[in-house]
Amino acid sequence: MHELDDPIARPREPDERVVDTLAQLAAEVVEAPTPRAALRKLPALREALDAFELELVAAALAEGASYAQIGQDLGRTRQSVHRRFNRLVGADGRAPGDRP
């Protein structure tokens, strides 16, 4: 079976609203008239990126990725990823969307 024929191996389709929001916020930072104006816009961009990262990590965990693999993808240690995202896994060790 070719990788693209496997539904699990297919890249996830990004939510267009998320893409548009991230692009708009990034453009506002880049196009700000002064450095201070750009700095005032950065917190909104960071918040949106953090929410997107959380969504991606949850999806990766639901697909069976380990904290070590996610850490490698993010350039972080397994421990730091686990510390930041362990709330995504329930007490039973399952990620959201996992079936019993």
Foldseek 3Di string as FASTA:
>chain_A
DDQCVDPLSNDDDDDVVLVVVLVVLVCQLVPPPDPVSSVVSVVVNVVSVVVVVLVVVLVCQQSPDALCVVCVVVVHHSVVSCVVRVVQADPVRHGPPDDD
